[in-house]
Amino acid sequence: NKPVGALCISPVIFAKIFGDVEITIGQDQGTAEAVEKMGATHTKTNHGEVIIDEKNNVFTTPCYMLDANILDIAKGASNIVKAMLERM
């Protein structure tokens, strides 16, 4: 069960594929409601935070789903890679 990661809006794909998965797309209420209708659990996050779904080995971070600059994106990308490498 290899780890998989998704940033920005792409965690929605995991909601569609896995259904029962915990993800984040930041704080957008409409998108959160949509992924929850697909059976996923959404967790609100801020810049740089990573949500880890232990059961599915899925890692997500919001990036540009929040009002972000390139430094915010770099922090999120770095944190998700670090979290995934720690699990390998």
N, C-alpha and C. Protein backbone atom coordinates (compact mmCIF):
# COMPACT_ATOMS: atom_id res chain seq x y z
N ASN A 1 0.85 -1.18 0.00
CA ASN A 1 0.00 0.00 0.00
C ASN A 1 0.90 1.24 0.00
N LYS A 2 1.28 1.69 -1.17
CA LYS A 2 2.19 2.82 -1.31
C LYS A 2 1.49 4.13 -0.98
N PRO A 3 2.22 5.07 -0.39
CA PRO A 3 1.61 6.38 -0.10
C PRO A 3 1.35 7.16 -1.38
N VAL A 4 0.25 7.89 -1.38
CA VAL A 4 -0.08 8.78 -2.50
C VAL A 4 -0.42 10.15 -1.92
N GLY A 5 -0.04 11.19 -2.64
CA GLY A 5 -0.28 12.54 -2.17
C GLY A 5 -0.99 13.38 -3.20
N ALA A 6 -1.70 14.39 -2.73
CA ALA A 6 -2.41 15.30 -3.63
C ALA A 6 -2.43 16.69 -3.01
N LEU A 7 -2.28 17.69 -3.87
CA LEU A 7 -2.25 19.08 -3.45
C LEU A 7 -3.35 19.85 -4.17
N CYS A 8 -3.76 20.96 -3.56
CA CYS A 8 -4.72 21.89 -4.16
C CYS A 8 -6.09 21.22 -4.32
N ILE A 9 -6.67 21.23 -5.52
CA ILE A 9 -7.99 20.65 -5.76
C ILE A 9 -7.92 19.14 -6.01
N SER A 10 -6.74 18.62 -6.31
CA SER A 10 -6.63 17.21 -6.69
C SER A 10 -7.06 16.21 -5.61
N PRO A 11 -7.10 16.52 -4.32
CA PRO A 11 -7.63 15.55 -3.36
C PRO A 11 -9.08 15.13 -3.66
N VAL A 12 -9.80 15.92 -4.41
CA VAL A 12 -11.17 15.56 -4.79
C VAL A 12 -11.16 14.24 -5.57
N ILE A 13 -10.10 13.99 -6.33
CA ILE A 13 -9.99 12.73 -7.08
C ILE A 13 -9.97 11.56 -6.11
N PHE A 14 -9.26 11.70 -4.98
CA PHE A 14 -9.23 10.63 -3.99
C PHE A 14 -10.62 10.38 -3.41
N ALA A 15 -11.39 11.44 -3.22
CA ALA A 15 -12.76 11.28 -2.73
C ALA A 15 -13.56 10.44 -3.72
N LYS A 16 -13.37 10.70 -4.99
CA LYS A 16 -14.09 9.97 -6.04
C LYS A 16 -13.62 8.51 -6.11
N ILE A 17 -12.31 8.29 -6.01
CA ILE A 17 -11.75 6.94 -6.14
C ILE A 17 -12.00 6.10 -4.89
N PHE A 18 -11.65 6.63 -3.72
CA PHE A 18 -11.70 5.85 -2.48
C PHE A 18 -13.05 5.95 -1.76
N GLY A 19 -13.75 7.06 -1.94
CA GLY A 19 -14.99 7.26 -1.19
C GLY A 19 -14.71 7.54 0.27
N ASP A 20 -14.48 6.49 1.03
CA ASP A 20 -14.23 6.62 2.47
C ASP A 20 -12.77 6.97 2.71
N VAL A 21 -12.45 8.26 2.61
CA VAL A 21 -11.08 8.74 2.77
C VAL A 21 -11.12 10.10 3.45
N GLU A 22 -10.10 10.39 4.25
CA GLU A 22 -10.00 11.71 4.88
C GLU A 22 -9.05 12.57 4.06
N ILE A 23 -9.53 13.75 3.63
CA ILE A 23 -8.74 14.65 2.80
C ILE A 23 -8.92 16.09 3.26
N THR A 24 -8.15 16.98 2.63
CA THR A 24 -8.37 18.41 2.81
C THR A 24 -8.32 19.11 1.47
N ILE A 25 -9.13 20.12 1.34
CA ILE A 25 -9.05 21.06 0.22
C ILE A 25 -9.00 22.48 0.80
N GLY A 26 -8.58 22.57 2.06
CA GLY A 26 -8.48 23.87 2.70
C GLY A 26 -9.72 24.21 3.49
N GLN A 27 -10.39 25.31 3.10
CA GLN A 27 -11.54 25.78 3.87
C GLN A 27 -12.75 26.11 3.01
N ASP A 28 -12.74 25.75 1.75
CA ASP A 28 -13.85 26.06 0.86
C ASP A 28 -15.06 25.18 1.18
N GLN A 29 -16.11 25.78 1.70
CA GLN A 29 -17.28 25.05 2.17
C GLN A 29 -17.97 24.27 1.05
N GLY A 30 -18.11 24.87 -0.11
CA GLY A 30 -18.79 24.21 -1.22
C GLY A 30 -18.08 22.95 -1.68
N THR A 31 -16.77 23.04 -1.81
CA THR A 31 -15.98 21.88 -2.22
C THR A 31 -15.98 20.82 -1.12
N ALA A 32 -15.90 21.25 0.12
CA ALA A 32 -15.95 20.31 1.25
C ALA A 32 -17.27 19.54 1.25
N GLU A 33 -18.36 20.22 1.00
CA GLU A 33 -19.67 19.55 0.95
C GLU A 33 -19.72 18.56 -0.21
N ALA A 34 -19.13 18.91 -1.34
CA ALA A 34 -19.12 18.02 -2.50
C ALA A 34 -18.34 16.74 -2.22
N VAL A 35 -17.16 16.85 -1.58
CA VAL A 35 -16.39 15.64 -1.30
C VAL A 35 -17.06 14.79 -0.22
N GLU A 36 -17.75 15.43 0.70
CA GLU A 36 -18.47 14.67 1.71
C GLU A 36 -19.65 13.91 1.10
N LYS A 37 -20.26 14.45 0.06
CA LYS A 37 -21.32 13.73 -0.65
C LYS A 37 -20.78 12.50 -1.35
N MET A 38 -19.48 12.50 -1.66
CA MET A 38 -18.82 11.34 -2.28
C MET A 38 -18.41 10.31 -1.24
N GLY A 39 -18.65 10.59 0.03
CA GLY A 39 -18.32 9.66 1.09
C GLY A 39 -17.04 9.96 1.83
N ALA A 40 -16.34 11.02 1.43
CA ALA A 40 -15.07 11.38 2.07
C ALA A 40 -15.32 12.23 3.31
N THR A 41 -14.31 12.30 4.15
CA THR A 41 -14.31 13.19 5.30
C THR A 41 -13.37 14.34 4.99
N HIS A 42 -13.87 15.56 5.15
CA HIS A 42 -13.03 16.73 4.89
C HIS A 42 -12.60 17.35 6.21
N THR A 43 -11.32 17.72 6.29
CA THR A 43 -10.78 18.41 7.45
C THR A 43 -10.29 19.78 7.01
N LYS A 44 -10.78 20.84 7.67
CA LYS A 44 -10.31 22.19 7.35
C LYS A 44 -8.85 22.34 7.75
N THR A 45 -8.08 22.98 6.88
CA THR A 45 -6.66 23.19 7.15
C THR A 45 -6.23 24.58 6.73
N ASN A 46 -5.05 24.95 7.20
CA ASN A 46 -4.40 26.20 6.81
C ASN A 46 -3.14 25.88 6.02
N HIS A 47 -2.44 26.93 5.62
CA HIS A 47 -1.21 26.77 4.84
C HIS A 47 -0.23 25.83 5.53
N GLY A 48 0.31 24.91 4.76
CA GLY A 48 1.36 24.02 5.25
C GLY A 48 0.89 22.80 6.01
N GLU A 49 -0.39 22.74 6.34
CA GLU A 49 -0.90 21.58 7.07
C GLU A 49 -1.14 20.41 6.12
N VAL A 50 -0.87 19.21 6.62
CA VAL A 50 -1.04 17.99 5.84
C VAL A 50 -2.01 17.08 6.58
N ILE A 51 -2.99 16.56 5.86
CA ILE A 51 -3.91 15.57 6.42
C ILE A 51 -3.46 14.20 5.94
N ILE A 52 -3.34 13.28 6.89
CA ILE A 52 -2.91 11.92 6.57
C ILE A 52 -4.05 10.96 6.88
N ASP A 53 -4.50 10.26 5.84
CA ASP A 53 -5.49 9.20 6.02
C ASP A 53 -4.70 7.90 6.17
N GLU A 54 -4.58 7.42 7.39
CA GLU A 54 -3.77 6.24 7.69
C GLU A 54 -4.28 4.99 6.98
N LYS A 55 -5.59 4.83 6.94
CA LYS A 55 -6.18 3.62 6.36
C LYS A 55 -5.85 3.47 4.88
N ASN A 56 -5.95 4.57 4.14
CA ASN A 56 -5.73 4.53 2.69
C ASN A 56 -4.32 4.97 2.29
N ASN A 57 -3.51 5.40 3.27
CA ASN A 57 -2.15 5.88 3.02
C ASN A 57 -2.16 7.07 2.05
N VAL A 58 -3.10 7.99 2.29
CA VAL A 58 -3.31 9.17 1.45
C VAL A 58 -2.90 10.42 2.22
N PHE A 59 -2.18 11.31 1.54
CA PHE A 59 -1.67 12.55 2.11
C PHE A 59 -2.19 13.72 1.28
N THR A 60 -2.76 14.73 1.92
CA THR A 60 -3.29 15.89 1.18
C THR A 60 -2.95 17.19 1.89
N THR A 61 -2.82 18.25 1.08
CA THR A 61 -2.57 19.60 1.59
C THR A 61 -3.26 20.59 0.64
N PRO A 62 -3.74 21.73 1.13
CA PRO A 62 -4.62 22.58 0.33
C PRO A 62 -3.97 23.49 -0.72
N CYS A 63 -2.75 23.93 -0.52
CA CYS A 63 -2.05 24.83 -1.46
C CYS A 63 -2.94 25.96 -1.96
N TYR A 64 -3.16 26.05 -3.29
CA TYR A 64 -3.90 27.17 -3.87
C TYR A 64 -5.41 27.14 -3.62
N MET A 65 -5.91 26.15 -2.89
CA MET A 65 -7.32 26.20 -2.49
C MET A 65 -7.52 27.25 -1.40
N LEU A 66 -6.42 27.73 -0.85
CA LEU A 66 -6.44 28.86 0.08
C LEU A 66 -5.86 30.06 -0.67
N ASP A 67 -6.08 31.24 -0.14
CA ASP A 67 -5.46 32.43 -0.71
C ASP A 67 -3.97 32.34 -0.38
N ALA A 68 -3.17 31.89 -1.35
CA ALA A 68 -1.78 31.53 -1.07
C ALA A 68 -0.80 32.25 -1.98
N ASN A 69 0.41 32.42 -1.46
CA ASN A 69 1.51 32.90 -2.29
C ASN A 69 2.49 31.75 -2.48
N ILE A 70 3.52 31.98 -3.26
CA ILE A 70 4.44 30.90 -3.60
C ILE A 70 5.15 30.33 -2.36
N LEU A 71 5.38 31.14 -1.35
CA LEU A 71 6.00 30.64 -0.12
C LEU A 71 5.06 29.70 0.63
N ASP A 72 3.76 30.01 0.62
CA ASP A 72 2.77 29.12 1.23
C ASP A 72 2.73 27.78 0.50
N ILE A 73 2.79 27.84 -0.83
CA ILE A 73 2.75 26.62 -1.64
C ILE A 73 3.99 25.77 -1.37
N ALA A 74 5.15 26.42 -1.31
CA ALA A 74 6.39 25.70 -1.04
C ALA A 74 6.33 25.00 0.31
N LYS A 75 5.77 25.67 1.31
CA LYS A 75 5.65 25.08 2.64
C LYS A 75 4.77 23.84 2.61
N GLY A 76 3.62 23.94 1.94
CA GLY A 76 2.71 22.80 1.84
C GLY A 76 3.33 21.64 1.08
N ALA A 77 3.98 21.94 -0.04
CA ALA A 77 4.61 20.90 -0.85
C ALA A 77 5.73 20.22 -0.08
N SER A 78 6.54 21.00 0.59
CA SER A 78 7.64 20.45 1.39
C SER A 78 7.11 19.57 2.52
N ASN A 79 6.07 20.03 3.19
CA ASN A 79 5.51 19.28 4.32
C ASN A 79 4.88 17.96 3.89
N ILE A 80 4.23 17.95 2.72
CA ILE A 80 3.59 16.70 2.29
C ILE A 80 4.65 15.68 1.88
N VAL A 81 5.71 16.14 1.21
CA VAL A 81 6.79 15.23 0.83
C VAL A 81 7.46 14.68 2.09
N LYS A 82 7.73 15.53 3.05
CA LYS A 82 8.35 15.11 4.31
C LYS A 82 7.48 14.06 5.01
N ALA A 83 6.18 14.32 5.10
CA ALA A 83 5.26 13.39 5.76
C ALA A 83 5.24 12.04 5.05
N MET A 84 5.25 12.07 3.71
CA MET A 84 5.23 10.82 2.95
C MET A 84 6.53 10.04 3.14
N LEU A 85 7.66 10.73 3.11
CA LEU A 85 8.95 10.06 3.28
C LEU A 85 9.09 9.44 4.67
N GLU A 86 8.50 10.08 5.66
CA GLU A 86 8.54 9.53 7.02
C GLU A 86 7.78 8.22 7.13
N ARG A 87 6.82 7.98 6.26
CA ARG A 87 6.00 6.77 6.29
C ARG A 87 6.58 5.64 5.44
N MET A 88 7.61 5.95 4.67
CA MET A 88 8.18 4.93 3.77
C MET A 88 9.28 4.14 4.44
